């Protein structure tokens, strides 16, 4: 399976912060925002990763992540020259994906649970069709909303409905078999001129191949796309790390635990960062 991170948004809801700095490079507490979706892919065992970035940002991303060797993975980059919707990431990444299945994650979404890998394994184990997640929110009107029948099966998905049929939204993490490439090629732009990921999910639903895994109510999902959300996300990451003693989205730790890097490499990275709490955390692994 290949992984794609869509990190090409202008971040206009975060102006003026994002005029000089690309949104996925902003800090969420103690690490860049891009670390969080990248951690999701590493936890899912995905080592071939494409990051879709805005024009002119190749240098900053490469200085931060390089080609992925630091974490024992392979990272490539493609530019999205203009915003055309989330599903456009599949078209940009079509050569990268080839005949493989794909996991698409948004660059400003943060996922955390002590049991997160069990959720990822459910998605990976399906092998056919699409798998998305259902996350309960109090006000779902700004999101794609999924409706379930009495047996817990998804029966509809609506994008930003005025009158939501449930409180479960679909956050920015999607697992697809290779049929998604054909589905994405045949998408038509929505009324707002974008290729909607909801339309991709609806096609899988129409084919009877959409699986929705409900996330527990104590699962942490954060969208860091506004100034308030960015602050709240930083506070939540700090709270969890302080209370549990475990770091969220520590890429070196995930890479070491999965055998992508050895202990000597981990120690070298810890030494490079030994003036920070992050580095001292690595020294204790």
Protein backbone atom coordinates (compact mmCIF):
# COMPACT_ATOMS: atom_id res chain seq x y z
CA UNK A 1 0.00 0.00 0.00
CA UNK A 2 1.16 3.52 -0.83
CA UNK A 3 0.49 6.62 1.27
CA UNK A 4 -0.42 10.15 0.18
CA UNK A 5 -0.46 13.24 2.38
CA UNK A 6 -2.33 16.21 0.94
CA UNK A 7 -0.43 19.17 2.36
CA UNK A 8 -0.97 21.73 -0.39
CA UNK A 9 -3.65 24.00 1.07
CA UNK A 10 -2.98 27.73 1.14
CA UNK A 11 -3.95 27.92 4.80
CA UNK A 12 -5.97 31.07 4.16
CA UNK A 13 -7.95 30.52 7.37
CA UNK A 14 -4.65 30.97 9.22
CA UNK A 15 -3.57 34.23 7.57
CA UNK A 16 -1.31 36.10 8.31
CA UNK A 17 0.57 33.17 9.91
CA UNK A 18 0.66 31.21 6.69
CA UNK A 19 1.71 34.01 4.34
CA UNK A 20 5.43 33.34 4.97
CA UNK A 21 5.12 29.72 6.16
CA UNK A 22 3.25 26.80 4.59
CA UNK A 23 0.50 25.56 6.93
CA UNK A 24 1.79 21.97 7.35
CA UNK A 25 5.12 23.37 8.58
CA UNK A 26 3.52 25.35 11.42
CA UNK A 27 4.13 23.91 14.89
CA UNK A 28 1.48 21.94 16.73
CA UNK A 29 2.99 22.17 20.20
CA UNK A 30 6.48 20.63 19.85
CA UNK A 31 6.60 19.36 16.28
CA UNK A 32 5.59 20.46 12.77
CA UNK A 33 2.00 19.78 11.74
CA UNK A 34 3.15 17.46 8.94
CA UNK A 35 4.57 15.03 11.53
CA UNK A 36 1.07 14.04 12.63
CA UNK A 37 -0.30 12.67 9.33
CA UNK A 38 3.13 11.22 8.56
CA UNK A 39 2.95 9.33 11.87
CA UNK A 40 -0.39 7.84 10.80
CA UNK A 41 1.18 6.33 7.69
CA UNK A 42 4.17 4.98 9.60
CA UNK A 43 1.85 3.40 12.18
CA UNK A 44 -0.07 1.77 9.33
CA UNK A 45 3.16 0.20 8.11
CA UNK A 46 3.26 2.33 4.95
CA UNK A 47 6.80 3.19 3.86
CA UNK A 48 6.31 4.61 0.36
CA UNK A 49 4.84 8.08 0.83
CA UNK A 50 3.98 10.97 -1.47
CA UNK A 51 3.55 14.44 0.04
CA UNK A 52 1.60 16.88 -2.14
CA UNK A 53 2.80 20.41 -1.43
CA UNK A 54 2.15 23.99 -2.64
CA UNK A 55 4.29 25.58 -5.36
CA UNK A 56 7.63 26.94 -4.15
CA UNK A 57 7.72 24.87 -0.92
CA UNK A 58 9.99 22.07 -2.05
CA UNK A 59 13.01 23.48 -0.17
CA UNK A 60 11.44 23.80 3.30
CA UNK A 61 9.83 20.35 3.12
CA UNK A 62 13.01 18.71 1.93
CA UNK A 63 15.07 20.38 4.65
CA UNK A 64 12.65 19.02 7.24
CA UNK A 65 12.00 15.49 5.94
CA UNK A 66 14.41 14.87 3.09
CA UNK A 67 13.70 11.66 1.20
CA UNK A 68 12.57 9.91 4.40
CA UNK A 69 15.78 8.06 5.23
CA UNK A 70 15.84 9.56 8.71
CA UNK A 71 12.73 7.51 9.47
CA UNK A 72 13.49 4.49 7.32
CA UNK A 73 10.84 5.34 4.70
CA UNK A 74 10.74 6.70 1.16
CA UNK A 75 9.25 10.17 0.70
CA UNK A 76 8.56 11.79 -2.67
CA UNK A 77 6.99 15.16 -3.41
CA UNK A 78 4.57 16.51 -5.99
CA UNK A 79 3.23 20.05 -6.37
CA UNK A 80 -0.47 20.93 -6.55
CA UNK A 81 -0.41 24.19 -8.48
CA UNK A 82 -3.97 25.14 -7.57
CA UNK A 83 -6.60 23.87 -5.16
CA UNK A 84 -8.92 21.43 -6.93
CA UNK A 85 -10.28 19.45 -4.00
CA UNK A 86 -9.13 16.54 -1.85
CA UNK A 87 -9.78 13.91 -4.52
CA UNK A 88 -7.35 15.73 -6.83
CA UNK A 89 -4.58 14.22 -4.70
CA UNK A 90 -5.41 10.85 -6.26
CA UNK A 91 -4.96 12.23 -9.76
CA UNK A 92 -1.70 13.95 -8.87
CA UNK A 93 -0.46 10.72 -7.31
CA UNK A 94 -1.63 8.32 -10.02
CA UNK A 95 1.87 7.41 -11.26
CA UNK A 96 3.13 7.11 -7.70
CA UNK A 97 0.27 4.79 -6.69
CA UNK A 98 0.41 2.68 -9.85
CA UNK A 99 -1.44 -0.60 -9.24
CA UNK A 100 -1.21 -0.47 -5.44
CA UNK A 101 -3.86 0.31 -2.85
CA UNK A 102 -3.59 3.73 -1.24
CA UNK A 103 -4.11 5.54 2.05
CA UNK A 104 -4.87 9.25 1.77
CA UNK A 105 -4.54 11.52 4.82
CA UNK A 106 -4.99 15.26 5.11
CA UNK A 107 -2.01 17.33 6.18
CA UNK A 108 -3.82 19.26 8.94
CA UNK A 109 -5.56 16.33 10.67
CA UNK A 110 -4.33 14.90 13.97
CA UNK A 111 -5.33 11.43 15.19
CA UNK A 112 -4.51 9.94 18.56
CA UNK A 113 -5.60 6.96 20.60
CA UNK A 114 -3.64 4.39 22.62
CA UNK A 115 -5.47 1.84 20.43
CA UNK A 116 -5.00 3.70 17.15
CA UNK A 117 -3.07 0.88 15.49
CA UNK A 118 -6.00 -1.49 16.09
CA UNK A 119 -8.24 0.87 14.09
CA UNK A 120 -5.65 1.06 11.34
CA UNK A 121 -5.37 -2.73 11.26
CA UNK A 122 -9.14 -3.02 10.75
CA UNK A 123 -8.85 -0.81 7.69
CA UNK A 124 -5.79 -2.62 6.36
CA UNK A 125 -7.37 -6.06 6.85
CA UNK A 126 -10.35 -5.37 4.57
CA UNK A 127 -8.32 -5.77 1.39
CA UNK A 128 -11.14 -4.69 -0.93
CA UNK A 129 -13.21 -1.55 -1.32
CA UNK A 130 -12.83 1.57 0.80
CA UNK A 131 -12.57 2.15 4.53
CA UNK A 132 -13.21 5.47 6.24
CA UNK A 133 -13.88 6.37 9.85
CA UNK A 134 -16.86 7.82 11.67
CA UNK A 135 -16.14 10.38 14.39
CA UNK A 136 -18.84 11.86 16.65
CA UNK A 137 -19.04 15.67 16.85
CA UNK A 138 -21.65 17.96 18.38
CA UNK A 139 -22.07 20.09 15.24
CA UNK A 140 -21.34 18.13 12.04
CA UNK A 141 -22.61 20.69 9.52
CA UNK A 142 -19.13 21.73 8.33
CA UNK A 143 -18.08 18.18 7.43
CA UNK A 144 -18.98 15.14 5.39
CA UNK A 145 -21.67 13.41 7.47
CA UNK A 146 -22.28 9.66 7.42
CA UNK A 147 -25.67 8.14 8.26
CA UNK A 148 -26.03 4.61 9.64
CA UNK A 149 -28.94 2.19 9.63
CA UNK A 150 -30.13 0.27 12.69
CA UNK A 151 -27.48 -2.40 12.08
CA UNK A 152 -24.68 0.13 12.00
CA UNK A 153 -24.12 0.05 8.24
CA UNK A 154 -23.43 3.29 6.36
CA UNK A 155 -26.39 4.23 4.15
CA UNK A 156 -25.58 7.81 3.11
CA UNK A 157 -22.87 10.46 3.13
CA UNK A 158 -23.58 14.16 2.66
CA UNK A 159 -21.04 16.96 2.27
CA UNK A 160 -21.68 19.87 4.65
CA UNK A 161 -25.45 19.24 5.01
CA UNK A 162 -27.70 21.96 6.37
CA UNK A 163 -29.68 19.33 8.25
CA UNK A 164 -27.30 16.48 9.19
CA UNK A 165 -28.74 12.99 9.44
CA UNK A 166 -26.29 11.99 12.17
CA UNK A 167 -23.52 13.40 14.33
CA UNK A 168 -20.86 11.21 12.73
CA UNK A 169 -18.44 12.87 10.36
CA UNK A 170 -15.76 11.41 8.11
CA UNK A 171 -12.35 12.80 9.19
CA UNK A 172 -9.45 13.14 6.79
CA UNK A 173 -8.13 9.58 6.66
CA UNK A 174 -9.17 7.26 3.81
CA UNK A 175 -8.12 3.74 2.76
CA UNK A 176 -8.87 2.68 -0.82
CA UNK A 177 -8.21 -0.26 -3.08
CA UNK A 178 -6.82 0.52 -6.52
CA UNK A 179 -10.32 0.98 -7.98
CA UNK A 180 -10.14 4.49 -6.53
CA UNK A 181 -7.87 5.58 -9.36
CA UNK A 182 -10.58 4.83 -11.94
CA UNK A 183 -13.22 6.45 -9.72
CA UNK A 184 -11.11 9.61 -9.33
CA UNK A 185 -10.52 9.86 -13.09
CA UNK A 186 -14.27 9.91 -13.71
CA UNK A 187 -15.18 12.52 -11.08
CA UNK A 188 -16.90 15.72 -12.13
CA UNK A 189 -16.26 18.97 -10.24
CA UNK A 190 -18.86 19.90 -7.65
CA UNK A 191 -20.80 23.18 -7.57
CA UNK A 192 -17.82 24.79 -5.84
CA UNK A 193 -15.50 23.62 -8.62
CA UNK A 194 -13.68 20.90 -6.65
CA UNK A 195 -13.22 17.16 -6.92
CA UNK A 196 -14.94 16.04 -3.73
CA UNK A 197 -13.66 13.11 -1.69
CA UNK A 198 -17.27 12.60 -0.57
CA UNK A 199 -18.13 11.75 -4.19
CA UNK A 200 -15.41 9.07 -4.14
CA UNK A 201 -16.86 7.61 -0.94
CA UNK A 202 -20.38 7.75 -2.37
CA UNK A 203 -19.30 5.73 -5.39
CA UNK A 204 -17.89 3.04 -3.10
CA UNK A 205 -21.14 3.17 -1.13
CA UNK A 206 -23.13 2.74 -4.37
CA UNK A 207 -21.00 -0.31 -5.21
CA UNK A 208 -21.59 -1.78 -1.75
CA UNK A 209 -17.88 -1.56 -0.93
CA UNK A 210 -17.69 1.27 1.62
CA UNK A 211 -16.73 0.26 5.15
CA UNK A 212 -17.06 2.77 7.98
CA UNK A 213 -15.32 2.12 11.29
CA UNK A 214 -16.73 4.13 14.19
CA UNK A 215 -14.11 5.70 16.45
CA UNK A 216 -14.70 5.57 20.20
CA UNK A 217 -15.82 8.75 21.90
CA UNK A 218 -12.48 9.06 23.75
CA UNK A 219 -10.56 9.00 20.46
CA UNK A 220 -8.76 12.29 19.79
CA UNK A 221 -9.25 13.80 16.35
CA UNK A 222 -8.23 17.39 15.69
CA UNK A 223 -8.42 19.61 12.63
CA UNK A 224 -5.73 22.29 12.96
CA UNK A 225 -7.01 24.45 10.11
CA UNK A 226 -7.92 27.61 12.04
CA UNK A 227 -6.09 29.69 14.65
CA UNK A 228 -8.40 28.50 17.45
CA UNK A 229 -8.10 24.88 16.35
CA UNK A 230 -4.33 25.17 16.04
CA UNK A 231 -4.10 26.46 19.61
CA UNK A 232 -6.51 23.81 20.91
CA UNK A 233 -4.58 21.09 19.11
CA UNK A 234 -1.29 22.24 20.66
CA UNK A 235 -2.87 22.31 24.11
CA UNK A 236 -4.35 18.84 23.63
CA UNK A 237 -1.05 17.36 22.43
CA UNK A 238 0.73 18.85 25.44
CA UNK A 239 -1.97 17.56 27.81
CA UNK A 240 -1.79 14.01 26.48
CA UNK A 241 2.01 13.95 26.50
CA UNK A 242 2.22 15.37 30.02
CA UNK A 243 -0.39 12.96 31.39
CA UNK A 244 0.79 9.80 29.66
CA UNK A 245 4.51 10.40 29.33
CA UNK A 246 4.21 9.24 25.71
CA UNK A 247 4.79 11.52 22.74
CA UNK A 248 2.22 11.83 19.96
CA UNK A 249 3.61 11.55 16.41
CA UNK A 250 7.21 10.90 17.45
CA UNK A 251 8.38 9.65 14.07
CA UNK A 252 11.74 8.33 15.28
CA UNK A 253 10.01 6.28 17.98
CA UNK A 254 7.52 4.75 15.54
CA UNK A 255 10.29 4.01 13.05
CA UNK A 256 12.41 2.34 15.74
CA UNK A 257 9.53 0.27 17.13
CA UNK A 258 8.66 -0.96 13.64
CA UNK A 259 12.26 -1.83 12.79
CA UNK A 260 12.63 0.87 10.13
CA UNK A 261 15.70 2.26 11.91
CA UNK A 262 18.10 0.61 14.36
CA UNK A 263 19.01 1.73 17.88
CA UNK A 264 22.26 3.33 16.78
CA UNK A 265 20.34 5.55 14.36
CA UNK A 266 17.81 6.41 17.08
CA UNK A 267 20.61 7.46 19.43
CA UNK A 268 22.16 9.63 16.73
CA UNK A 269 18.85 11.44 16.20
CA UNK A 270 18.41 11.86 19.94
CA UNK A 271 21.87 13.42 20.20
CA UNK A 272 21.03 15.88 17.42
CA UNK A 273 17.98 17.02 19.44
CA UNK A 274 19.37 16.72 22.97
CA UNK A 275 18.68 20.36 23.83
CA UNK A 276 14.94 19.73 23.51
CA UNK A 277 12.38 17.73 25.47
CA UNK A 278 11.71 15.82 22.26
CA UNK A 279 15.36 14.78 22.04
CA UNK A 280 15.53 13.80 25.70
CA UNK A 281 12.43 11.67 25.18
CA UNK A 282 14.22 9.84 22.37
CA UNK A 283 17.22 9.26 24.64
CA UNK A 284 14.97 7.31 27.03
CA UNK A 285 13.66 4.88 24.43
